[in-house]
Amino acid sequence: EDSSWHSIVLLPNHILDNSPSKQDDIDPETEKIHRIFGAELIQEAGILLRLPQVVMCTGQTILQRFFYRKSLMKFDAFSVAMSC
């Protein structure tokens, strides 16, 4: 059993290993690319808006947590990033 802090603090392993996108047959590499794209988009928007780094990190965290509950099949990363 993995007892590292990140699997306890963030989300249980059964959620981390079985995202809704994975259940919709989106391969893990594609999901990873879209998640990274969304996080970079939030970072770039935050820089342009001259927001504090903590605000951008919060938006990126919300994006990641959103995609542990909803699938990329139903929600594209660009729209979700812009709403975070």
PDB file of N, CA and C in Angstrom:
ATOM      1  N   GLU A   1       0.840  -1.181   0.000  1.00  0.00           N
ATOM      2  CA  GLU A   1       0.000   0.000   0.000  1.00  0.00           C
ATOM      3  C   GLU A   1       0.882   1.240   0.000  1.00  0.00           C
ATOM      4  N   ASP A   2       0.498   2.224  -0.802  1.00  0.00           N
ATOM      5  CA  ASP A   2       1.237   3.471  -0.910  1.00  0.00           C
ATOM      6  C   ASP A   2       0.817   4.400   0.219  1.00  0.00           C
ATOM      7  N   SER A   3       1.731   4.705   1.114  1.00  0.00           N
ATOM      8  CA  SER A   3       1.397   5.572   2.245  1.00  0.00           C
ATOM      9  C   SER A   3       2.045   6.945   2.122  1.00  0.00           C
ATOM     10  N   SER A   4       2.456   7.334   0.902  1.00  0.00           N
ATOM     11  CA  SER A   4       3.062   8.646   0.734  1.00  0.00           C
ATOM     12  C   SER A   4       2.026   9.730   0.982  1.00  0.00           C
ATOM     13  N   TRP A   5       2.496  10.890   1.413  1.00  0.00           N
ATOM     14  CA  TRP A   5       1.592  11.968   1.833  1.00  0.00           C
ATOM     15  C   TRP A   5       0.668  12.437   0.726  1.00  0.00           C
ATOM     16  N   HIS A   6       1.142  12.490  -0.537  1.00  0.00           N
ATOM     17  CA  HIS A   6       0.299  13.046  -1.602  1.00  0.00           C
ATOM     18  C   HIS A   6      -0.917  12.186  -1.896  1.00  0.00           C
ATOM     19  N   SER A   7      -0.821  10.897  -1.713  1.00  0.00           N
ATOM     20  CA  SER A   7      -1.998  10.060  -1.976  1.00  0.00           C
ATOM     21  C   SER A   7      -3.012  10.150  -0.841  1.00  0.00           C
ATOM     22  N   ILE A   8      -2.577  10.615   0.304  1.00  0.00           N
ATOM     23  CA  ILE A   8      -3.486  10.772   1.432  1.00  0.00           C
ATOM     24  C   ILE A   8      -4.109  12.173   1.430  1.00  0.00           C
ATOM     25  N   VAL A   9      -3.302  13.180   1.179  1.00  0.00           N
ATOM     26  CA  VAL A   9      -3.759  14.558   1.256  1.00  0.00           C
ATOM     27  C   VAL A   9      -4.638  14.943   0.067  1.00  0.00           C
ATOM     28  N   LEU A  10      -4.237  14.577  -1.129  1.00  0.00           N
ATOM     29  CA  LEU A  10      -4.955  15.026  -2.317  1.00  0.00           C
ATOM     30  C   LEU A  10      -6.241  14.245  -2.534  1.00  0.00           C
ATOM     31  N   LEU A  11      -6.120  13.051  -3.023  1.00  0.00           N
ATOM     32  CA  LEU A  11      -7.279  12.213  -3.307  1.00  0.00           C
ATOM     33  C   LEU A  11      -6.892  10.752  -3.092  1.00  0.00           C
ATOM     34  N   PRO A  12      -7.848   9.921  -2.773  1.00  0.00           N
ATOM     35  CA  PRO A  12      -7.537   8.490  -2.626  1.00  0.00           C
ATOM     36  C   PRO A  12      -7.058   7.898  -3.961  1.00  0.00           C
ATOM     37  N   ASN A  13      -6.253   6.855  -3.881  1.00  0.00           N
ATOM     38  CA  ASN A  13      -5.689   6.232  -5.084  1.00  0.00           C
ATOM     39  C   ASN A  13      -6.756   5.753  -6.059  1.00  0.00           C
ATOM     40  N   HIS A  14      -7.877   5.251  -5.564  1.00  0.00           N
ATOM     41  CA  HIS A  14      -8.893   4.753  -6.489  1.00  0.00           C
ATOM     42  C   HIS A  14      -9.478   5.874  -7.356  1.00  0.00           C
ATOM     43  N   ILE A  15      -9.438   7.103  -6.878  1.00  0.00           N
ATOM     44  CA  ILE A  15      -9.890   8.242  -7.684  1.00  0.00           C
ATOM     45  C   ILE A  15      -8.765   8.701  -8.611  1.00  0.00           C
ATOM     46  N   LEU A  16      -7.537   8.758  -8.092  1.00  0.00           N
ATOM     47  CA  LEU A  16      -6.394   9.181  -8.899  1.00  0.00           C
ATOM     48  C   LEU A  16      -6.162   8.244 -10.083  1.00  0.00           C
ATOM     49  N   ASP A  17      -6.371   6.951  -9.875  1.00  0.00           N
ATOM     50  CA  ASP A  17      -6.083   5.954 -10.905  1.00  0.00           C
ATOM     51  C   ASP A  17      -7.225   5.730 -11.890  1.00  0.00           C
ATOM     52  N   ASN A  18      -8.405   6.253 -11.598  1.00  0.00           N
ATOM     53  CA  ASN A  18      -9.565   5.948 -12.431  1.00  0.00           C
ATOM     54  C   ASN A  18     -10.387   7.207 -12.696  1.00  0.00           C
ATOM     55  N   SER A  19      -9.800   8.148 -13.419  1.00  0.00           N
ATOM     56  CA  SER A  19     -10.486   9.419 -13.697  1.00  0.00           C
ATOM     57  C   SER A  19     -11.652   9.201 -14.669  1.00  0.00           C
ATOM     58  N   PRO A  20     -12.622  10.107 -14.671  1.00  0.00           N
ATOM     59  CA  PRO A  20     -13.735   9.997 -15.620  1.00  0.00           C
ATOM     60  C   PRO A  20     -13.277   9.976 -17.084  1.00  0.00           C
ATOM     61  N   SER A  21     -12.210  10.692 -17.399  1.00  0.00           N
ATOM     62  CA  SER A  21     -11.692  10.676 -18.772  1.00  0.00           C
ATOM     63  C   SER A  21     -11.198   9.281 -19.130  1.00  0.00           C
ATOM     64  N   LYS A  22     -10.525   8.639 -18.195  1.00  0.00           N
ATOM     65  CA  LYS A  22     -10.048   7.274 -18.420  1.00  0.00           C
ATOM     66  C   LYS A  22     -11.232   6.327 -18.609  1.00  0.00           C
ATOM     67  N   GLN A  23     -12.293   6.545 -17.863  1.00  0.00           N
ATOM     68  CA  GLN A  23     -13.498   5.722 -18.009  1.00  0.00           C
ATOM     69  C   GLN A  23     -14.147   5.935 -19.373  1.00  0.00           C
ATOM     70  N   ASP A  24     -13.941   7.110 -19.990  1.00  0.00           N
ATOM     71  CA  ASP A  24     -14.468   7.404 -21.322  1.00  0.00           C
ATOM     72  C   ASP A  24     -13.474   7.038 -22.424  1.00  0.00           C
ATOM     73  N   ASP A  25     -12.508   6.194 -22.103  1.00  0.00           N
ATOM     74  CA  ASP A  25     -11.503   5.680 -23.051  1.00  0.00           C
ATOM     75  C   ASP A  25     -10.585   6.742 -23.639  1.00  0.00           C
ATOM     76  N   ILE A  26     -10.303   7.792 -22.876  1.00  0.00           N
ATOM     77  CA  ILE A  26      -9.283   8.764 -23.283  1.00  0.00           C
ATOM     78  C   ILE A  26      -7.972   8.270 -22.680  1.00  0.00           C
ATOM     79  N   ASP A  27      -6.960   8.107 -23.517  1.00  0.00           N
ATOM     80  CA  ASP A  27      -5.710   7.535 -23.007  1.00  0.00           C
ATOM     81  C   ASP A  27      -5.036   8.512 -22.039  1.00  0.00           C
ATOM     82  N   PRO A  28      -4.288   7.970 -21.085  1.00  0.00           N
ATOM     83  CA  PRO A  28      -3.664   8.814 -20.044  1.00  0.00           C
ATOM     84  C   PRO A  28      -2.755   9.911 -20.590  1.00  0.00           C
ATOM     85  N   GLU A  29      -2.048   9.650 -21.681  1.00  0.00           N
ATOM     86  CA  GLU A  29      -1.149  10.657 -22.240  1.00  0.00           C
ATOM     87  C   GLU A  29      -1.938  11.852 -22.786  1.00  0.00           C
ATOM     88  N   THR A  30      -3.051  11.591 -23.449  1.00  0.00           N
ATOM     89  CA  THR A  30      -3.897  12.672 -23.962  1.00  0.00           C
ATOM     90  C   THR A  30      -4.470  13.482 -22.810  1.00  0.00           C
ATOM     91  N   GLU A  31      -4.921  12.801 -21.767  1.00  0.00           N
ATOM     92  CA  GLU A  31      -5.451  13.502 -20.596  1.00  0.00           C
ATOM     93  C   GLU A  31      -4.370  14.385 -19.975  1.00  0.00           C
ATOM     94  N   LYS A  32      -3.168  13.847 -19.859  1.00  0.00           N
ATOM     95  CA  LYS A  32      -2.055  14.600 -19.287  1.00  0.00           C
ATOM     96  C   LYS A  32      -1.757  15.853 -20.107  1.00  0.00           C
ATOM     97  N   ILE A  33      -1.742  15.714 -21.434  1.00  0.00           N
ATOM     98  CA  ILE A  33      -1.464  16.849 -22.319  1.00  0.00           C
ATOM     99  C   ILE A  33      -2.521  17.939 -22.144  1.00  0.00           C
ATOM    100  N   HIS A  34      -3.784  17.551 -22.069  1.00  0.00           N
ATOM    101  CA  HIS A  34      -4.866  18.530 -21.911  1.00  0.00           C
ATOM    102  C   HIS A  34      -4.821  19.206 -20.541  1.00  0.00           C
ATOM    103  N   ARG A  35      -4.487  18.447 -19.510  1.00  0.00           N
ATOM    104  CA  ARG A  35      -4.369  19.031 -18.170  1.00  0.00           C
ATOM    105  C   ARG A  35      -3.225  20.036 -18.113  1.00  0.00           C
ATOM    106  N   ILE A  36      -2.105  19.692 -18.718  1.00  0.00           N
ATOM    107  CA  ILE A  36      -0.955  20.609 -18.755  1.00  0.00           C
ATOM    108  C   ILE A  36      -1.310  21.865 -19.536  1.00  0.00           C
ATOM    109  N   PHE A  37      -1.977  21.684 -20.682  1.00  0.00           N
ATOM    110  CA  PHE A  37      -2.412  22.831 -21.494  1.00  0.00           C
ATOM    111  C   PHE A  37      -3.294  23.768 -20.671  1.00  0.00           C
ATOM    112  N   GLY A  38      -4.251  23.213 -19.940  1.00  0.00           N
ATOM    113  CA  GLY A  38      -5.141  24.024 -19.114  1.00  0.00           C
ATOM    114  C   GLY A  38      -4.387  24.781 -18.032  1.00  0.00           C
ATOM    115  N   ALA A  39      -3.447  24.106 -17.390  1.00  0.00           N
ATOM    116  CA  ALA A  39      -2.661  24.746 -16.333  1.00  0.00           C
ATOM    117  C   ALA A  39      -1.786  25.869 -16.911  1.00  0.00           C
ATOM    118  N   GLU A  40      -1.187  25.638 -18.076  1.00  0.00           N
ATOM    119  CA  GLU A  40      -0.370  26.674 -18.712  1.00  0.00           C
ATOM    120  C   GLU A  40      -1.221  27.871 -19.136  1.00  0.00           C
ATOM    121  N   LEU A  41      -2.419  27.579 -19.595  1.00  0.00           N
ATOM    122  CA  LEU A  41      -3.328  28.655 -20.002  1.00  0.00           C
ATOM    123  C   LEU A  41      -3.695  29.540 -18.808  1.00  0.00           C
ATOM    124  N   ILE A  42      -3.970  28.926 -17.673  1.00  0.00           N
ATOM    125  CA  ILE A  42      -4.271  29.687 -16.457  1.00  0.00           C
ATOM    126  C   ILE A  42      -3.067  30.528 -16.054  1.00  0.00           C
ATOM    127  N   GLN A  43      -1.871  29.950 -16.152  1.00  0.00           N
ATOM    128  CA  GLN A  43      -0.653  30.679 -15.800  1.00  0.00           C
ATOM    129  C   GLN A  43      -0.458  31.888 -16.711  1.00  0.00           C
ATOM    130  N   GLU A  44      -0.620  31.688 -18.008  1.00  0.00           N
ATOM    131  CA  GLU A  44      -0.441  32.793 -18.955  1.00  0.00           C
ATOM    132  C   GLU A  44      -1.480  33.897 -18.753  1.00  0.00           C
ATOM    133  N   ALA A  45      -2.724  33.504 -18.515  1.00  0.00           N
ATOM    134  CA  ALA A  45      -3.776  34.505 -18.276  1.00  0.00           C
ATOM    135  C   ALA A  45      -3.484  35.284 -17.002  1.00  0.00           C
ATOM    136  N   GLY A  46      -3.029  34.589 -15.975  1.00  0.00           N
ATOM    137  CA  GLY A  46      -2.704  35.247 -14.713  1.00  0.00           C
ATOM    138  C   GLY A  46      -1.569  36.246 -14.854  1.00  0.00           C
ATOM    139  N   ILE A  47      -0.578  35.895 -15.652  1.00  0.00           N
ATOM    140  CA  ILE A  47       0.542  36.813 -15.891  1.00  0.00           C
ATOM    141  C   ILE A  47       0.047  38.057 -16.630  1.00  0.00           C
ATOM    142  N   LEU A  48      -0.755  37.850 -17.661  1.00  0.00           N
ATOM    143  CA  LEU A  48      -1.275  38.996 -18.418  1.00  0.00           C
ATOM    144  C   LEU A  48      -2.144  39.906 -17.554  1.00  0.00           C
ATOM    145  N   LEU A  49      -2.867  39.302 -16.620  1.00  0.00           N
ATOM    146  CA  LEU A  49      -3.726  40.081 -15.725  1.00  0.00           C
ATOM    147  C   LEU A  49      -2.993  40.596 -14.489  1.00  0.00           C
ATOM    148  N   ARG A  50      -1.707  40.251 -14.393  1.00  0.00           N
ATOM    149  CA  ARG A  50      -0.852  40.651 -13.271  1.00  0.00           C
ATOM    150  C   ARG A  50      -1.412  40.199 -11.921  1.00  0.00           C
ATOM    151  N   LEU A  51      -1.854  38.957 -11.891  1.00  0.00           N
ATOM    152  CA  LEU A  51      -2.391  38.378 -10.660  1.00  0.00           C
ATOM    153  C   LEU A  51      -1.268  37.781  -9.826  1.00  0.00           C
ATOM    154  N   PRO A  52      -1.460  37.672  -8.527  1.00  0.00           N
ATOM    155  CA  PRO A  52      -0.463  37.012  -7.685  1.00  0.00           C
ATOM    156  C   PRO A  52      -0.351  35.524  -8.047  1.00  0.00           C
ATOM    157  N   GLN A  53       0.820  34.962  -7.835  1.00  0.00           N
ATOM    158  CA  GLN A  53       1.054  33.550  -8.164  1.00  0.00           C
ATOM    159  C   GLN A  53       0.097  32.632  -7.414  1.00  0.00           C
ATOM    160  N   VAL A  54      -0.259  32.971  -6.194  1.00  0.00           N
ATOM    161  CA  VAL A  54      -1.159  32.121  -5.418  1.00  0.00           C
ATOM    162  C   VAL A  54      -2.531  32.007  -6.091  1.00  0.00           C
ATOM    163  N   VAL A  55      -2.961  33.042  -6.768  1.00  0.00           N
ATOM    164  CA  VAL A  55      -4.237  33.014  -7.490  1.00  0.00           C
ATOM    165  C   VAL A  55      -4.151  32.033  -8.659  1.00  0.00           C
ATOM    166  N   MET A  56      -3.034  32.074  -9.382  1.00  0.00           N
ATOM    167  CA  MET A  56      -2.852  31.166 -10.519  1.00  0.00           C
ATOM    168  C   MET A  56      -2.769  29.716 -10.046  1.00  0.00           C
ATOM    169  N   CYS A  57      -2.069  29.484  -8.951  1.00  0.00           N
ATOM    170  CA  CYS A  57      -1.963  28.127  -8.397  1.00  0.00           C
ATOM    171  C   CYS A  57      -3.330  27.605  -7.955  1.00  0.00           C
ATOM    172  N   THR A  58      -4.125  28.470  -7.389  1.00  0.00           N
ATOM    173  CA  THR A  58      -5.473  28.078  -6.965  1.00  0.00           C
ATOM    174  C   THR A  58      -6.316  27.684  -8.173  1.00  0.00           C
ATOM    175  N   GLY A  59      -6.250  28.465  -9.227  1.00  0.00           N
ATOM    176  CA  GLY A  59      -6.980  28.143 -10.456  1.00  0.00           C
ATOM    177  C   GLY A  59      -6.526  26.825 -11.052  1.00  0.00           C
ATOM    178  N   GLN A  60      -5.223  26.574 -11.041  1.00  0.00           N
ATOM    179  CA  GLN A  60      -4.688  25.321 -11.571  1.00  0.00           C
ATOM    180  C   GLN A  60      -5.132  24.133 -10.725  1.00  0.00           C
ATOM    181  N   THR A  61      -5.197  24.327  -9.428  1.00  0.00           N
ATOM    182  CA  THR A  61      -5.662  23.261  -8.539  1.00  0.00           C
ATOM    183  C   THR A  61      -7.126  22.952  -8.789  1.00  0.00           C
ATOM    184  N   ILE A  62      -7.924  23.984  -8.965  1.00  0.00           N
ATOM    185  CA  ILE A  62      -9.351  23.787  -9.255  1.00  0.00           C
ATOM    186  C   ILE A  62      -9.514  23.032 -10.572  1.00  0.00           C
ATOM    187  N   LEU A  63      -8.723  23.383 -11.586  1.00  0.00           N
ATOM    188  CA  LEU A  63      -8.771  22.687 -12.874  1.00  0.00           C
ATOM    189  C   LEU A  63      -8.465  21.196 -12.702  1.00  0.00           C
ATOM    190  N   GLN A  64      -7.395  20.883 -11.977  1.00  0.00           N
ATOM    191  CA  GLN A  64      -7.015  19.476 -11.784  1.00  0.00           C
ATOM    192  C   GLN A  64      -8.101  18.712 -11.030  1.00  0.00           C
ATOM    193  N   ARG A  65      -8.609  19.317  -9.986  1.00  0.00           N
ATOM    194  CA  ARG A  65      -9.660  18.652  -9.197  1.00  0.00           C
ATOM    195  C   ARG A  65     -10.947  18.474 -10.017  1.00  0.00           C
ATOM    196  N   PHE A  66     -11.246  19.430 -10.884  1.00  0.00           N
ATOM    197  CA  PHE A  66     -12.424  19.325 -11.741  1.00  0.00           C
ATOM    198  C   PHE A  66     -12.335  18.078 -12.615  1.00  0.00           C
ATOM    199  N   PHE A  67     -11.151  17.861 -13.201  1.00  0.00           N
ATOM    200  CA  PHE A  67     -11.002  16.719 -14.104  1.00  0.00           C
ATOM    201  C   PHE A  67     -10.854  15.384 -13.380  1.00  0.00           C
ATOM    202  N   TYR A  68     -10.813  15.387 -12.069  1.00  0.00           N
ATOM    203  CA  TYR A  68     -10.932  14.122 -11.323  1.00  0.00           C
ATOM    204  C   TYR A  68     -12.392  13.782 -11.075  1.00  0.00           C
ATOM    205  N   ARG A  69     -13.288  14.680 -11.449  1.00  0.00           N
ATOM    206  CA  ARG A  69     -14.735  14.435 -11.288  1.00  0.00           C
ATOM    207  C   ARG A  69     -15.489  14.448 -12.616  1.00  0.00           C
ATOM    208  N   LYS A  70     -14.925  15.129 -13.629  1.00  0.00           N
ATOM    209  CA  LYS A  70     -15.590  15.268 -14.931  1.00  0.00           C
ATOM    210  C   LYS A  70     -14.635  14.849 -16.047  1.00  0.00           C
ATOM    211  N   SER A  71     -15.190  14.405 -17.148  1.00  0.00           N
ATOM    212  CA  SER A  71     -14.402  13.876 -18.258  1.00  0.00           C
ATOM    213  C   SER A  71     -14.054  14.947 -19.289  1.00  0.00           C
ATOM    214  N   LEU A  72     -12.885  14.773 -19.896  1.00  0.00           N
ATOM    215  CA  LEU A  72     -12.492  15.621 -21.022  1.00  0.00           C
ATOM    216  C   LEU A  72     -13.413  15.405 -22.211  1.00  0.00           C
ATOM    217  N   MET A  73     -14.111  14.306 -22.231  1.00  0.00           N
ATOM    218  CA  MET A  73     -15.052  14.025 -23.313  1.00  0.00           C
ATOM    219  C   MET A  73     -16.224  15.016 -23.281  1.00  0.00           C
ATOM    220  N   LYS A  74     -16.567  15.478 -22.078  1.00  0.00           N
ATOM    221  CA  LYS A  74     -17.717  16.370 -21.916  1.00  0.00           C
ATOM    222  C   LYS A  74     -17.324  17.834 -21.736  1.00  0.00           C
ATOM    223  N   PHE A  75     -16.127  18.077 -21.233  1.00  0.00           N
ATOM    224  CA  PHE A  75     -15.663  19.446 -20.955  1.00  0.00           C
ATOM    225  C   PHE A  75     -14.249  19.615 -21.498  1.00  0.00           C
ATOM    226  N   ASP A  76     -14.053  20.569 -22.410  1.00  0.00           N
ATOM    227  CA  ASP A  76     -12.715  20.767 -22.959  1.00  0.00           C
ATOM    228  C   ASP A  76     -11.857  21.594 -22.000  1.00  0.00           C
ATOM    229  N   ALA A  77     -10.552  21.355 -22.059  1.00  0.00           N
ATOM    230  CA  ALA A  77      -9.621  21.983 -21.124  1.00  0.00           C
ATOM    231  C   ALA A  77      -9.611  23.501 -21.259  1.00  0.00           C
ATOM    232  N   PHE A  78      -9.767  24.020 -22.458  1.00  0.00           N
ATOM    233  CA  PHE A  78      -9.731  25.478 -22.663  1.00  0.00           C
ATOM    234  C   PHE A  78     -10.873  26.150 -21.901  1.00  0.00           C
ATOM    235  N   SER A  79     -12.081  25.655 -22.059  1.00  0.00           N
ATOM    236  CA  SER A  79     -13.248  26.261 -21.392  1.00  0.00           C
ATOM    237  C   SER A  79     -13.135  26.161 -19.873  1.00  0.00           C
ATOM    238  N   VAL A  80     -12.681  25.021 -19.401  1.00  0.00           N
ATOM    239  CA  VAL A  80     -12.549  24.840 -17.954  1.00  0.00           C
ATOM    240  C   VAL A  80     -11.461  25.762 -17.410  1.00  0.00           C
ATOM    241  N   ALA A  81     -10.338  25.862 -18.119  1.00  0.00           N
ATOM    242  CA  ALA A  81      -9.247  26.742 -17.676  1.00  0.00           C
ATOM    243  C   ALA A  81      -9.703  28.188 -17.593  1.00  0.00           C
ATOM    244  N   MET A  82     -10.466  28.633 -18.571  1.00  0.00           N
ATOM    245  CA  MET A  82     -10.924  30.017 -18.572  1.00  0.00           C
ATOM    246  C   MET A  82     -11.964  30.289 -17.481  1.00  0.00           C
ATOM    247  N   SER A  83     -12.623  29.253 -17.024  1.00  0.00           N
ATOM    248  CA  SER A  83     -13.592  29.462 -15.949  1.00  0.00           C
ATOM    249  C   SER A  83     -12.946  29.369 -14.576  1.00  0.00           C
ATOM    250  N   CYS A  84     -11.731  28.849 -14.518  1.00  0.00           N
ATOM    251  CA  CYS A  84     -11.037  28.760 -13.223  1.00  0.00           C
ATOM    252  C   CYS A  84     -10.376  30.091 -12.923  1.00  0.00           C
TER     253      CYS A  84
END
